[in-house]
PDB file of N, CA and C in Angstrom:
ATOM      1  N   MET A   1      59.039  12.185  46.205  1.00  0.00           N
ATOM      2  CA  MET A   1      58.303  10.825  45.653  1.00  0.00           C
ATOM      3  C   MET A   1      59.078  10.174  44.742  1.00  0.00           C
ATOM      4  N   ALA A   2      58.568   8.895  44.632  1.00  0.00           N
ATOM      5  CA  ALA A   2      59.301   8.044  43.681  1.00  0.00           C
ATOM      6  C   ALA A   2      58.668   8.103  42.505  1.00  0.00           C
ATOM      7  N   ASP A   3      58.890   7.871  41.498  1.00  0.00           N
ATOM      8  CA  ASP A   3      58.025   7.926  39.934  1.00  0.00           C
ATOM      9  C   ASP A   3      57.663   6.616  39.739  1.00  0.00           C
ATOM     10  N   ARG A   4      56.775   5.959  40.031  1.00  0.00           N
ATOM     11  CA  ARG A   4      56.504   4.538  39.878  1.00  0.00           C
ATOM     12  C   ARG A   4      54.580   4.938  39.259  1.00  0.00           C
ATOM     13  N   PRO A   5      54.347   3.469  39.059  1.00  0.00           N
ATOM     14  CA  PRO A   5      52.837   3.321  38.721  1.00  0.00           C
ATOM     15  C   PRO A   5      51.988   3.023  40.222  1.00  0.00           C
ATOM     16  N   LEU A   6      50.879   3.855  39.898  1.00  0.00           N
ATOM     17  CA  LEU A   6      50.038   3.516  40.999  1.00  0.00           C
ATOM     18  C   LEU A   6      49.131   2.492  41.058  1.00  0.00           C
ATOM     19  N   SER A   7      48.591   2.286  41.973  1.00  0.00           N
ATOM     20  CA  SER A   7      47.647   0.539  41.636  1.00  0.00           C
ATOM     21  C   SER A   7      46.161   1.988  41.651  1.00  0.00           C
ATOM     22  N   PRO A   8      45.317   0.635  40.488  1.00  0.00           N
ATOM     23  CA  PRO A   8      44.054   0.716  39.869  1.00  0.00           C
ATOM     24  C   PRO A   8      43.028   1.693  40.567  1.00  0.00           C
ATOM     25  N   HIS A   9      42.476   2.418  41.049  1.00  0.00           N
ATOM     26  CA  HIS A   9      41.288   2.735  41.978  1.00  0.00           C
ATOM     27  C   HIS A   9      40.057   2.350  41.390  1.00  0.00           C
ATOM     28  N   LEU A  10      39.213   2.528  42.132  1.00  0.00           N
ATOM     29  CA  LEU A  10      37.923   1.269  42.074  1.00  0.00           C
ATOM     30  C   LEU A  10      37.065   2.167  40.924  1.00  0.00           C
ATOM     31  N   GLN A  11      37.781   3.467  40.368  1.00  0.00           N
ATOM     32  CA  GLN A  11      36.690   4.117  39.472  1.00  0.00           C
ATOM     33  C   GLN A  11      37.079   3.382  38.170  1.00  0.00           C
ATOM     34  N   ILE A  12      37.902   3.089  37.867  1.00  0.00           N
ATOM     35  CA  ILE A  12      39.052   2.309  36.681  1.00  0.00           C
ATOM     36  C   ILE A  12      38.256   0.948  36.272  1.00  0.00           C
ATOM     37  N   TRP A  13      38.276   0.517  37.757  1.00  0.00           N
ATOM     38  CA  TRP A  13      37.126  -1.269  36.996  1.00  0.00           C
ATOM     39  C   TRP A  13      35.860  -0.934  37.199  1.00  0.00           C
ATOM     40  N   ARG A  14      35.746  -2.270  35.970  1.00  0.00           N
ATOM     41  CA  ARG A  14      34.128  -2.261  35.717  1.00  0.00           C
ATOM     42  C   ARG A  14      33.560  -2.779  36.541  1.00  0.00           C
ATOM     43  N   TRP A  15      32.047  -2.541  37.301  1.00  0.00           N
ATOM     44  CA  TRP A  15      31.719  -4.049  38.096  1.00  0.00           C
ATOM     45  C   TRP A  15      31.402  -5.124  36.961  1.00  0.00           C
ATOM     46  N   GLY A  16      31.490  -5.892  37.759  1.00  0.00           N
ATOM     47  CA  GLY A  16      31.495  -6.968  36.896  1.00  0.00           C
ATOM     48  C   GLY A  16      31.188  -8.425  38.121  1.00  0.00           C
ATOM     49  N   PRO A  17      30.332  -9.423  37.812  1.00  0.00           N
ATOM     50  CA  PRO A  17      29.579 -10.143  38.569  1.00  0.00           C
ATOM     51  C   PRO A  17      30.934 -11.229  39.992  1.00  0.00           C
ATOM     52  N   HIS A  18      31.854 -10.907  39.290  1.00  0.00           N
ATOM     53  CA  HIS A  18      33.130 -11.721  40.073  1.00  0.00           C
ATOM     54  C   HIS A  18      33.058 -10.858  41.451  1.00  0.00           C
ATOM     55  N   MET A  19      33.444  -9.396  41.129  1.00  0.00           N
ATOM     56  CA  MET A  19      33.468  -8.747  42.353  1.00  0.00           C
ATOM     57  C   MET A  19      31.914  -8.536  43.047  1.00  0.00           C
ATOM     58  N   ALA A  20      30.988  -8.940  42.619  1.00  0.00           N
ATOM     59  CA  ALA A  20      29.785  -8.963  43.447  1.00  0.00           C
ATOM     60  C   ALA A  20      30.075 -10.301  44.419  1.00  0.00           C
ATOM     61  N   VAL A  21      30.283 -11.209  43.575  1.00  0.00           N
ATOM     62  CA  VAL A  21      30.808 -12.575  44.465  1.00  0.00           C
ATOM     63  C   VAL A  21      31.361 -12.603  45.766  1.00  0.00           C
ATOM     64  N   SER A  22      32.360 -11.469  45.308  1.00  0.00           N
ATOM     65  CA  SER A  22      33.421 -11.639  46.635  1.00  0.00           C
ATOM     66  C   SER A  22      33.169 -10.699  47.489  1.00  0.00           C
ATOM     67  N   ILE A  23      32.643  -9.676  46.847  1.00  0.00           N
ATOM     68  CA  ILE A  23      31.767  -8.771  47.688  1.00  0.00           C
ATOM     69  C   ILE A  23      30.764  -9.389  48.780  1.00  0.00           C
ATOM     70  N   LEU A  24      30.003 -10.287  48.502  1.00  0.00           N
ATOM     71  CA  LEU A  24      28.838 -11.189  49.219  1.00  0.00           C
ATOM     72  C   LEU A  24      29.188 -12.183  50.058  1.00  0.00           C
ATOM     73  N   HIS A  25      30.574 -12.641  49.897  1.00  0.00           N
ATOM     74  CA  HIS A  25      30.888 -13.720  50.249  1.00  0.00           C
ATOM     75  C   HIS A  25      31.707 -13.440  51.192  1.00  0.00           C
ATOM     76  N   ARG A  26      32.725 -12.584  51.553  1.00  0.00           N
ATOM     77  CA  ARG A  26      32.898 -11.332  52.705  1.00  0.00           C
ATOM     78  C   ARG A  26      31.111 -11.089  53.442  1.00  0.00           C
ATOM     79  N   ALA A  27      30.498 -10.348  52.999  1.00  0.00           N
ATOM     80  CA  ALA A  27      29.437 -10.613  53.967  1.00  0.00           C
ATOM     81  C   ALA A  27      28.178 -11.294  53.950  1.00  0.00           C
ATOM     82  N   THR A  28      28.347 -12.245  53.640  1.00  0.00           N
ATOM     83  CA  THR A  28      27.687 -13.423  54.426  1.00  0.00           C
ATOM     84  C   THR A  28      28.616 -14.261  55.169  1.00  0.00           C
ATOM     85  N   GLY A  29      29.686 -14.287  55.263  1.00  0.00           N
ATOM     86  CA  GLY A  29      30.863 -14.852  56.029  1.00  0.00           C
ATOM     87  C   GLY A  29      30.415 -14.011  57.399  1.00  0.00           C
ATOM     88  N   ASP A  30      30.441 -12.590  57.432  1.00  0.00           N
ATOM     89  CA  ASP A  30      30.191 -11.510  58.446  1.00  0.00           C
ATOM     90  C   ASP A  30      29.016 -11.910  59.199  1.00  0.00           C
ATOM     91  N   GLY A  31      27.986 -11.936  58.000  1.00  0.00           N
ATOM     92  CA  GLY A  31      26.540 -12.342  58.558  1.00  0.00           C
ATOM     93  C   GLY A  31      26.478 -13.065  59.360  1.00  0.00           C
ATOM     94  N   MET A  32      27.138 -14.574  58.794  1.00  0.00           N
ATOM     95  CA  MET A  32      26.607 -15.557  59.478  1.00  0.00           C
ATOM     96  C   MET A  32      27.329 -15.712  60.998  1.00  0.00           C
ATOM     97  N   ALA A  33      28.323 -15.202  61.339  1.00  0.00           N
ATOM     98  CA  ALA A  33      29.226 -14.714  62.208  1.00  0.00           C
ATOM     99  C   ALA A  33      28.871 -13.751  63.190  1.00  0.00           C
ATOM    100  N   LEU A  34      28.077 -12.772  63.111  1.00  0.00           N
ATOM    101  CA  LEU A  34      27.621 -11.683  63.549  1.00  0.00           C
ATOM    102  C   LEU A  34      26.019 -12.304  64.292  1.00  0.00           C
ATOM    103  N   VAL A  35      25.354 -12.596  63.219  1.00  0.00           N
ATOM    104  CA  VAL A  35      23.911 -12.817  63.206  1.00  0.00           C
ATOM    105  C   VAL A  35      23.406 -14.278  63.501  1.00  0.00           C
ATOM    106  N   GLY A  36      24.414 -15.283  62.840  1.00  0.00           N
ATOM    107  CA  GLY A  36      24.008 -16.783  62.559  1.00  0.00           C
ATOM    108  C   GLY A  36      24.611 -17.236  63.990  1.00  0.00           C
ATOM    109  N   LEU A  37      25.710 -16.903  64.630  1.00  0.00           N
ATOM    110  CA  LEU A  37      26.451 -17.686  65.802  1.00  0.00           C
ATOM    111  C   LEU A  37      25.494 -17.391  66.985  1.00  0.00           C
ATOM    112  N   PRO A  38      25.289 -16.236  67.207  1.00  0.00           N
ATOM    113  CA  PRO A  38      24.189 -15.590  68.463  1.00  0.00           C
ATOM    114  C   PRO A  38      22.583 -16.751  68.781  1.00  0.00           C
ATOM    115  N   ILE A  39      22.116 -16.881  67.488  1.00  0.00           N
ATOM    116  CA  ILE A  39      21.197 -17.060  67.637  1.00  0.00           C
ATOM    117  C   ILE A  39      20.908 -18.909  67.646  1.00  0.00           C
ATOM    118  N   LEU A  40      22.557 -19.418  66.691  1.00  0.00           N
ATOM    119  CA  LEU A  40      22.703 -20.254  67.399  1.00  0.00           C
ATOM    120  C   LEU A  40      23.023 -21.137  69.105  1.00  0.00           C
ATOM    121  N   ILE A  41      23.545 -20.368  69.461  1.00  0.00           N
ATOM    122  CA  ILE A  41      23.976 -20.557  70.630  1.00  0.00           C
ATOM    123  C   ILE A  41      22.764 -20.134  71.290  1.00  0.00           C
ATOM    124  N   TRP A  42      21.903 -19.376  71.269  1.00  0.00           N
ATOM    125  CA  TRP A  42      20.787 -19.209  71.664  1.00  0.00           C
ATOM    126  C   TRP A  42      19.743 -20.504  71.752  1.00  0.00           C
ATOM    127  N   TRP A  43      19.705 -20.868  70.700  1.00  0.00           N
ATOM    128  CA  TRP A  43      18.821 -22.514  70.070  1.00  0.00           C
ATOM    129  C   TRP A  43      19.275 -23.252  71.263  1.00  0.00           C
ATOM    130  N   LEU A  44      20.617 -23.446  71.057  1.00  0.00           N
ATOM    131  CA  LEU A  44      21.428 -24.223  71.752  1.00  0.00           C
ATOM    132  C   LEU A  44      20.866 -24.218  73.190  1.00  0.00           C
ATOM    133  N   GLY A  45      21.334 -23.628  73.731  1.00  0.00           N
ATOM    134  CA  GLY A  45      20.959 -22.488  75.081  1.00  0.00           C
ATOM    135  C   GLY A  45      19.159 -22.998  75.895  1.00  0.00           C
ATOM    136  N   SER A  46      18.242 -22.557  74.596  1.00  0.00           N
ATOM    137  CA  SER A  46      17.156 -22.942  74.868  1.00  0.00           C
ATOM    138  C   SER A  46      16.567 -24.285  75.109  1.00  0.00           C
ATOM    139  N   ILE A  47      17.070 -25.496  74.382  1.00  0.00           N
ATOM    140  CA  ILE A  47      17.299 -26.760  74.147  1.00  0.00           C
ATOM    141  C   ILE A  47      17.922 -27.019  75.791  1.00  0.00           C
ATOM    142  N   ALA A  48      18.766 -26.392  75.987  1.00  0.00           N
ATOM    143  CA  ALA A  48      19.257 -27.096  77.104  1.00  0.00           C
ATOM    144  C   ALA A  48      18.792 -26.521  78.737  1.00  0.00           C
ATOM    145  N   SER A  49      17.549 -25.278  78.324  1.00  0.00           N
ATOM    146  CA  SER A  49      17.465 -24.519  79.166  1.00  0.00           C
ATOM    147  C   SER A  49      16.192 -25.007  79.764  1.00  0.00           C
ATOM    148  N   GLY A  50      15.490 -26.005  78.659  1.00  0.00           N
ATOM    149  CA  GLY A  50      14.179 -26.618  78.792  1.00  0.00           C
ATOM    150  C   GLY A  50      12.987 -26.092  77.665  1.00  0.00           C
ATOM    151  N   PRO A  51      11.779 -26.878  78.251  1.00  0.00           N
ATOM    152  CA  PRO A  51      10.807 -26.319  76.859  1.00  0.00           C
ATOM    153  C   PRO A  51      10.484 -25.010  77.252  1.00  0.00           C
ATOM    154  N   ASP A  52      10.119 -24.711  78.252  1.00  0.00           N
ATOM    155  CA  ASP A  52      10.006 -23.121  78.625  1.00  0.00           C
ATOM    156  C   ASP A  52      10.932 -22.378  77.301  1.00  0.00           C
ATOM    157  N   ALA A  53      11.430 -22.571  77.734  1.00  0.00           N
ATOM    158  CA  ALA A  53      13.081 -21.613  77.324  1.00  0.00           C
ATOM    159  C   ALA A  53      12.416 -22.070  75.425  1.00  0.00           C
ATOM    160  N   TYR A  54      12.491 -23.122  75.030  1.00  0.00           N
ATOM    161  CA  TYR A  54      12.579 -23.446  73.553  1.00  0.00           C
ATOM    162  C   TYR A  54      11.348 -23.375  73.135  1.00  0.00           C
ATOM    163  N   ALA A  55      10.469 -23.197  74.109  1.00  0.00           N
ATOM    164  CA  ALA A  55       8.909 -22.767  73.396  1.00  0.00           C
ATOM    165  C   ALA A  55       8.889 -21.129  72.888  1.00  0.00           C
ATOM    166  N   THR A  56       9.921 -20.084  74.100  1.00  0.00           N
ATOM    167  CA  THR A  56      10.464 -18.692  73.682  1.00  0.00           C
ATOM    168  C   THR A  56      10.621 -18.370  72.510  1.00  0.00           C
ATOM    169  N   PHE A  57      11.942 -19.460  72.526  1.00  0.00           N
ATOM    170  CA  PHE A  57      12.722 -19.433  70.769  1.00  0.00           C
ATOM    171  C   PHE A  57      11.811 -19.603  69.893  1.00  0.00           C
ATOM    172  N   ALA A  58      11.204 -20.572  69.800  1.00  0.00           N
ATOM    173  CA  ALA A  58      10.799 -21.113  68.565  1.00  0.00           C
ATOM    174  C   ALA A  58       9.323 -20.063  67.989  1.00  0.00           C
ATOM    175  N   SER A  59       9.230 -19.598  69.404  1.00  0.00           N
ATOM    176  CA  SER A  59       8.155 -18.439  68.900  1.00  0.00           C
ATOM    177  C   SER A  59       8.410 -17.589  68.285  1.00  0.00           C
ATOM    178  N   ILE A  60       9.379 -16.850  68.879  1.00  0.00           N
ATOM    179  CA  ILE A  60      10.270 -15.491  68.340  1.00  0.00           C
ATOM    180  C   ILE A  60      11.072 -16.224  66.855  1.00  0.00           C
ATOM    181  N   MET A  61      11.577 -16.719  66.810  1.00  0.00           N
ATOM    182  CA  MET A  61      11.867 -17.143  65.378  1.00  0.00           C
ATOM    183  C   MET A  61      11.026 -17.900  64.637  1.00  0.00           C
ATOM    184  N   GLY A  62       9.691 -18.329  65.073  1.00  0.00           N
ATOM    185  CA  GLY A  62       8.310 -18.520  63.834  1.00  0.00           C
ATOM    186  C   GLY A  62       7.661 -17.517  63.408  1.00  0.00           C
ATOM    187  N   SER A  63       8.213 -16.403  64.224  1.00  0.00           N
ATOM    188  CA  SER A  63       7.575 -14.754  64.208  1.00  0.00           C
ATOM    189  C   SER A  63       7.713 -14.674  62.574  1.00  0.00           C
ATOM    190  N   PRO A  64       6.789 -13.621  61.316  1.00  0.00           N
ATOM    191  CA  PRO A  64       7.443 -13.207  60.713  1.00  0.00           C
ATOM    192  C   PRO A  64       8.534 -12.415  60.064  1.00  0.00           C
ATOM    193  N   LEU A  65       9.427 -11.943  61.589  1.00  0.00           N
ATOM    194  CA  LEU A  65      10.144 -11.586  60.988  1.00  0.00           C
ATOM    195  C   LEU A  65      11.372 -12.533  61.974  1.00  0.00           C
ATOM    196  N   GLY A  66      11.235 -13.454  62.543  1.00  0.00           N
ATOM    197  CA  GLY A  66      11.940 -14.532  62.555  1.00  0.00           C
ATOM    198  C   GLY A  66      11.794 -15.325  61.386  1.00  0.00           C
ATOM    199  N   MET A  67      11.081 -15.779  61.032  1.00  0.00           N
ATOM    200  CA  MET A  67      11.537 -16.425  59.652  1.00  0.00           C
ATOM    201  C   MET A  67      12.246 -15.733  58.386  1.00  0.00           C
ATOM    202  N   VAL A  68      12.088 -14.149  58.174  1.00  0.00           N
ATOM    203  CA  VAL A  68      12.589 -13.406  57.516  1.00  0.00           C
ATOM    204  C   VAL A  68      14.192 -13.898  57.858  1.00  0.00           C
ATOM    205  N   VAL A  69      14.829 -13.176  59.418  1.00  0.00           N
ATOM    206  CA  VAL A  69      16.187 -13.891  59.231  1.00  0.00           C
ATOM    207  C   VAL A  69      16.696 -15.587  58.890  1.00  0.00           C
ATOM    208  N   LEU A  70      15.795 -16.186  59.302  1.00  0.00           N
ATOM    209  CA  LEU A  70      16.335 -17.610  59.196  1.00  0.00           C
ATOM    210  C   LEU A  70      16.701 -17.858  57.824  1.00  0.00           C
ATOM    211  N   VAL A  71      15.970 -17.417  56.992  1.00  0.00           N
ATOM    212  CA  VAL A  71      15.611 -17.608  55.491  1.00  0.00           C
ATOM    213  C   VAL A  71      16.784 -16.811  54.759  1.00  0.00           C
ATOM    214  N   LEU A  72      17.335 -15.042  55.163  1.00  0.00           N
ATOM    215  CA  LEU A  72      18.746 -14.799  54.725  1.00  0.00           C
ATOM    216  C   LEU A  72      19.681 -15.757  55.511  1.00  0.00           C
ATOM    217  N   LEU A  73      19.654 -16.194  56.958  1.00  0.00           N
ATOM    218  CA  LEU A  73      20.523 -16.459  57.041  1.00  0.00           C
ATOM    219  C   LEU A  73      20.963 -18.194  56.119  1.00  0.00           C
ATOM    220  N   SER A  74      19.812 -18.869  56.314  1.00  0.00           N
ATOM    221  CA  SER A  74      20.108 -19.677  55.236  1.00  0.00           C
ATOM    222  C   SER A  74      20.712 -19.452  53.579  1.00  0.00           C
ATOM    223  N   TRP A  75      20.144 -18.429  53.159  1.00  0.00           N
ATOM    224  CA  TRP A  75      20.492 -17.977  51.900  1.00  0.00           C
ATOM    225  C   TRP A  75      22.182 -17.674  51.501  1.00  0.00           C
ATOM    226  N   ALA A  76      22.726 -16.770  53.506  1.00  0.00           N
ATOM    227  CA  ALA A  76      24.041 -16.522  53.249  1.00  0.00           C
ATOM    228  C   ALA A  76      24.660 -17.697  53.522  1.00  0.00           C
ATOM    229  N   PHE A  77      24.699 -18.827  53.737  1.00  0.00           N
ATOM    230  CA  PHE A  77      25.200 -20.244  54.355  1.00  0.00           C
ATOM    231  C   PHE A  77      25.625 -20.688  52.602  1.00  0.00           C
ATOM    232  N   PHE A  78      24.011 -20.894  52.282  1.00  0.00           N
ATOM    233  CA  PHE A  78      24.229 -21.339  50.721  1.00  0.00           C
ATOM    234  C   PHE A  78      25.294 -20.258  50.012  1.00  0.00           C
ATOM    235  N   ASN A  79      25.374 -19.257  49.619  1.00  0.00           N
ATOM    236  CA  ASN A  79      26.021 -18.421  48.861  1.00  0.00           C
ATOM    237  C   ASN A  79      27.072 -18.200  49.250  1.00  0.00           C
ATOM    238  N   HIS A  80      27.715 -18.448  50.677  1.00  0.00           N
ATOM    239  CA  HIS A  80      28.881 -18.627  51.383  1.00  0.00           C
ATOM    240  C   HIS A  80      29.551 -20.071  50.891  1.00  0.00           C
ATOM    241  N   MET A  81      28.846 -20.925  50.852  1.00  0.00           N
ATOM    242  CA  MET A  81      29.593 -22.186  50.363  1.00  0.00           C
ATOM    243  C   MET A  81      29.570 -22.414  48.914  1.00  0.00           C
ATOM    244  N   SER A  82      28.613 -21.836  47.858  1.00  0.00           N
ATOM    245  CA  SER A  82      28.844 -21.807  46.669  1.00  0.00           C
ATOM    246  C   SER A  82      30.278 -20.865  46.146  1.00  0.00           C
ATOM    247  N   SER A  83      30.077 -19.840  46.820  1.00  0.00           N
ATOM    248  CA  SER A  83      31.268 -18.809  46.189  1.00  0.00           C
ATOM    249  C   SER A  83      32.841 -19.367  47.031  1.00  0.00           C
ATOM    250  N   GLY A  84      32.524 -19.871  48.017  1.00  0.00           N
ATOM    251  CA  GLY A  84      33.828 -20.954  48.761  1.00  0.00           C
ATOM    252  C   GLY A  84      34.022 -21.975  47.771  1.00  0.00           C
ATOM    253  N   ILE A  85      33.254 -22.383  47.009  1.00  0.00           N
ATOM    254  CA  ILE A  85      33.859 -23.511  46.387  1.00  0.00           C
ATOM    255  C   ILE A  85      34.213 -23.051  44.871  1.00  0.00           C
ATOM    256  N   ARG A  86      33.997 -21.872  44.403  1.00  0.00           N
ATOM    257  CA  ARG A  86      34.265 -20.751  43.796  1.00  0.00           C
ATOM    258  C   ARG A  86      35.849 -20.698  43.701  1.00  0.00           C
ATOM    259  N   HIS A  87      35.701 -19.854  45.311  1.00  0.00           N
ATOM    260  CA  HIS A  87      37.092 -19.821  45.216  1.00  0.00           C
ATOM    261  C   HIS A  87      38.289 -20.920  45.294  1.00  0.00           C
ATOM    262  N   PHE A  88      37.714 -22.205  45.895  1.00  0.00           N
ATOM    263  CA  PHE A  88      38.461 -23.226  45.796  1.00  0.00           C
ATOM    264  C   PHE A  88      39.420 -23.594  44.309  1.00  0.00           C
ATOM    265  N   VAL A  89      37.890 -23.268  43.673  1.00  0.00           N
ATOM    266  CA  VAL A  89      38.660 -24.153  42.174  1.00  0.00           C
ATOM    267  C   VAL A  89      39.708 -22.478  41.498  1.00  0.00           C
ATOM    268  N   LEU A  90      39.074 -21.485  42.296  1.00  0.00           N
ATOM    269  CA  LEU A  90      40.621 -20.688  41.578  1.00  0.00           C
ATOM    270  C   LEU A  90      42.055 -20.799  42.374  1.00  0.00           C
ATOM    271  N   ASP A  91      41.718 -21.340  43.346  1.00  0.00           N
ATOM    272  CA  ASP A  91      42.676 -21.225  44.217  1.00  0.00           C
ATOM    273  C   ASP A  91      43.746 -22.445  43.850  1.00  0.00           C
ATOM    274  N   ILE A  92      43.203 -23.393  42.919  1.00  0.00           N
ATOM    275  CA  ILE A  92      43.757 -24.761  42.282  1.00  0.00           C
ATOM    276  C   ILE A  92      44.269 -23.948  41.319  1.00  0.00           C
ATOM    277  N   GLY A  93      44.304 -23.022  40.316  1.00  0.00           N
ATOM    278  CA  GLY A  93      44.592 -22.512  39.541  1.00  0.00           C
ATOM    279  C   GLY A  93      43.626 -22.653  38.078  1.00  0.00           C
ATOM    280  N   GLY A  94      42.291 -23.008  38.465  1.00  0.00           N
ATOM    281  CA  GLY A  94      41.193 -22.859  37.388  1.00  0.00           C
ATOM    282  C   GLY A  94      40.356 -21.566  37.131  1.00  0.00           C
ATOM    283  N   GLY A  95      39.670 -21.702  35.968  1.00  0.00           N
ATOM    284  CA  GLY A  95      38.335 -20.805  35.858  1.00  0.00           C
ATOM    285  C   GLY A  95      39.040 -19.256  35.743  1.00  0.00           C
ATOM    286  N   TYR A  96      39.635 -18.205  35.439  1.00  0.00           N
ATOM    287  CA  TYR A  96      40.862 -17.454  35.290  1.00  0.00           C
ATOM    288  C   TYR A  96      40.204 -16.956  34.338  1.00  0.00           C
ATOM    289  N   GLU A  97      39.560 -17.336  32.749  1.00  0.00           N
ATOM    290  CA  GLU A  97      39.294 -17.314  31.478  1.00  0.00           C
ATOM    291  C   GLU A  97      38.073 -16.343  31.834  1.00  0.00           C
ATOM    292  N   ILE A  98      38.189 -14.833  31.500  1.00  0.00           N
ATOM    293  CA  ILE A  98      36.967 -14.126  31.528  1.00  0.00           C
ATOM    294  C   ILE A  98      35.805 -14.434  31.466  1.00  0.00           C
ATOM    295  N   ASP A  99      35.382 -15.390  30.556  1.00  0.00           N
ATOM    296  CA  ASP A  99      33.980 -15.820  30.456  1.00  0.00           C
ATOM    297  C   ASP A  99      33.853 -16.852  31.628  1.00  0.00           C
ATOM    298  N   THR A 100      34.425 -17.858  31.871  1.00  0.00           N
ATOM    299  CA  THR A 100      34.622 -18.933  32.818  1.00  0.00           C
ATOM    300  C   THR A 100      34.242 -18.552  34.100  1.00  0.00           C
ATOM    301  N   ASN A 101      35.337 -17.194  34.211  1.00  0.00           N
ATOM    302  CA  ASN A 101      34.892 -16.390  35.726  1.00  0.00           C
ATOM    303  C   ASN A 101      33.644 -15.766  36.141  1.00  0.00           C
ATOM    304  N   LYS A 102      33.265 -15.521  35.013  1.00  0.00           N
ATOM    305  CA  LYS A 102      31.723 -14.986  34.627  1.00  0.00           C
ATOM    306  C   LYS A 102      30.428 -15.876  34.807  1.00  0.00           C
ATOM    307  N   ARG A 103      30.684 -16.910  34.064  1.00  0.00           N
ATOM    308  CA  ARG A 103      29.904 -18.247  34.575  1.00  0.00           C
ATOM    309  C   ARG A 103      29.900 -18.477  36.008  1.00  0.00           C
ATOM    310  N   TRP A 104      31.346 -18.512  36.228  1.00  0.00           N
ATOM    311  CA  TRP A 104      31.060 -19.083  37.777  1.00  0.00           C
ATOM    312  C   TRP A 104      30.510 -18.003  38.640  1.00  0.00           C
ATOM    313  N   SER A 105      30.577 -17.037  38.243  1.00  0.00           N
ATOM    314  CA  SER A 105      30.321 -16.334  39.543  1.00  0.00           C
ATOM    315  C   SER A 105      28.640 -16.033  39.563  1.00  0.00           C
ATOM    316  N   ILE A 106      27.840 -16.275  38.124  1.00  0.00           N
ATOM    317  CA  ILE A 106      26.823 -15.971  37.670  1.00  0.00           C
ATOM    318  C   ILE A 106      26.321 -17.016  38.090  1.00  0.00           C
ATOM    319  N   GLY A 107      26.860 -18.049  38.088  1.00  0.00           N
ATOM    320  CA  GLY A 107      26.208 -19.920  39.168  1.00  0.00           C
ATOM    321  C   GLY A 107      26.462 -19.947  40.257  1.00  0.00           C
ATOM    322  N   SER A 108      26.996 -18.969  40.896  1.00  0.00           N
ATOM    323  CA  SER A 108      27.125 -19.329  42.324  1.00  0.00           C
ATOM    324  C   SER A 108      26.805 -18.499  43.021  1.00  0.00           C
ATOM    325  N   ILE A 109      26.067 -17.241  42.820  1.00  0.00           N
ATOM    326  CA  ILE A 109      24.852 -16.455  43.092  1.00  0.00           C
ATOM    327  C   ILE A 109      23.566 -17.648  42.901  1.00  0.00           C
ATOM    328  N   SER A 110      23.357 -17.632  41.621  1.00  0.00           N
ATOM    329  CA  SER A 110      22.275 -18.544  41.310  1.00  0.00           C
ATOM    330  C   SER A 110      22.079 -19.712  42.326  1.00  0.00           C
ATOM    331  N   SER A 111      23.095 -20.537  42.411  1.00  0.00           N
ATOM    332  CA  SER A 111      23.112 -21.229  43.304  1.00  0.00           C
ATOM    333  C   SER A 111      22.598 -21.198  44.703  1.00  0.00           C
ATOM    334  N   GLY A 112      23.448 -20.000  45.190  1.00  0.00           N
ATOM    335  CA  GLY A 112      22.734 -20.020  46.560  1.00  0.00           C
ATOM    336  C   GLY A 112      21.354 -19.784  46.692  1.00  0.00           C
ATOM    337  N   ILE A 113      21.061 -19.027  45.347  1.00  0.00           N
ATOM    338  CA  ILE A 113      19.071 -18.229  45.542  1.00  0.00           C
ATOM    339  C   ILE A 113      18.868 -19.831  45.632  1.00  0.00           C
ATOM    340  N   ILE A 114      18.612 -20.465  44.599  1.00  0.00           N
ATOM    341  CA  ILE A 114      18.305 -22.169  44.616  1.00  0.00           C
ATOM    342  C   ILE A 114      18.444 -23.269  45.643  1.00  0.00           C
ATOM    343  N   LEU A 115      19.462 -23.101  45.892  1.00  0.00           N
ATOM    344  CA  LEU A 115      19.585 -24.299  47.390  1.00  0.00           C
ATOM    345  C   LEU A 115      18.711 -23.684  48.794  1.00  0.00           C
ATOM    346  N   THR A 116      18.715 -22.668  48.310  1.00  0.00           N
ATOM    347  CA  THR A 116      17.972 -21.697  49.530  1.00  0.00           C
ATOM    348  C   THR A 116      16.666 -22.147  49.297  1.00  0.00           C
ATOM    349  N   ALA A 117      16.434 -22.013  48.147  1.00  0.00           N
ATOM    350  CA  ALA A 117      14.547 -22.180  47.911  1.00  0.00           C
ATOM    351  C   ALA A 117      13.935 -23.672  48.272  1.00  0.00           C
ATOM    352  N   LEU A 118      14.909 -24.867  47.760  1.00  0.00           N
ATOM    353  CA  LEU A 118      15.026 -25.951  47.427  1.00  0.00           C
ATOM    354  C   LEU A 118      15.031 -26.435  49.345  1.00  0.00           C
ATOM    355  N   PHE A 119      15.787 -25.950  49.927  1.00  0.00           N
ATOM    356  CA  PHE A 119      15.661 -26.019  51.204  1.00  0.00           C
ATOM    357  C   PHE A 119      14.787 -25.838  52.098  1.00  0.00           C
ATOM    358  N   TRP A 120      14.393 -24.656  51.833  1.00  0.00           N
ATOM    359  CA  TRP A 120      12.862 -24.120  52.531  1.00  0.00           C
ATOM    360  C   TRP A 120      11.897 -24.779  51.877  1.00  0.00           C
ATOM    361  N   ALA A 121      11.699 -25.372  50.479  1.00  0.00           N
ATOM    362  CA  ALA A 121      10.398 -25.916  50.494  1.00  0.00           C
ATOM    363  C   ALA A 121      10.546 -27.204  50.441  1.00  0.00           C
ATOM    364  N   ALA A 122      11.586 -27.781  51.080  1.00  0.00           N
ATOM    365  CA  ALA A 122      11.613 -29.557  52.067  1.00  0.00           C
ATOM    366  C   ALA A 122      11.645 -29.030  53.047  1.00  0.00           C
ATOM    367  N   ILE A 123      11.944 -28.209  54.088  1.00  0.00           N
ATOM    368  CA  ILE A 123      11.102 -27.414  55.272  1.00  0.00           C
ATOM    369  C   ILE A 123       9.710 -27.426  55.685  1.00  0.00           C
ATOM    370  N   VAL A 124       9.503 -26.305  54.248  1.00  0.00           N
ATOM    371  CA  VAL A 124       7.605 -26.558  54.857  1.00  0.00           C
ATOM    372  C   VAL A 124       6.965 -27.334  53.907  1.00  0.00           C
ATOM    373  N   LEU A 125       6.953 -28.326  52.848  1.00  0.00           N
ATOM    374  CA  LEU A 125       6.771 -29.545  52.578  1.00  0.00           C
ATOM    375  C   LEU A 125       6.820 -30.714  53.747  1.00  0.00           C
ATOM    376  N   ILE A 126       7.598 -30.908  54.458  1.00  0.00           N
ATOM    377  CA  ILE A 126       7.859 -31.890  55.187  1.00  0.00           C
ATOM    378  C   ILE A 126       6.923 -31.631  56.484  1.00  0.00           C
TER     379      ILE A 126
END
């Protein structure tokens, strides 16, 4: 075998907010694709199928379990968007300093939660 350095494994790295944001970015993207897309297609199909189909959709998504799914999907969207903006800044070469990266990571997670709360507050109040 070649005598070369091995890549560090997960036990070497200390977990930080930047790792959590990276994992959440992938998980929320997958969640929106695997859960959000079928719900979107179902919603559009129910609109096209008429009032009875839409009433069925609305009753299921208006149930407590349906509301939890909708809140989680909206959190996934806002969290994915916030971390996408963070990744964009990293792609253009900014934010690689340790303190800046940690602040952006915590801000990304926080803004996803805050934007979700504001979104649902606006929906409930309107």
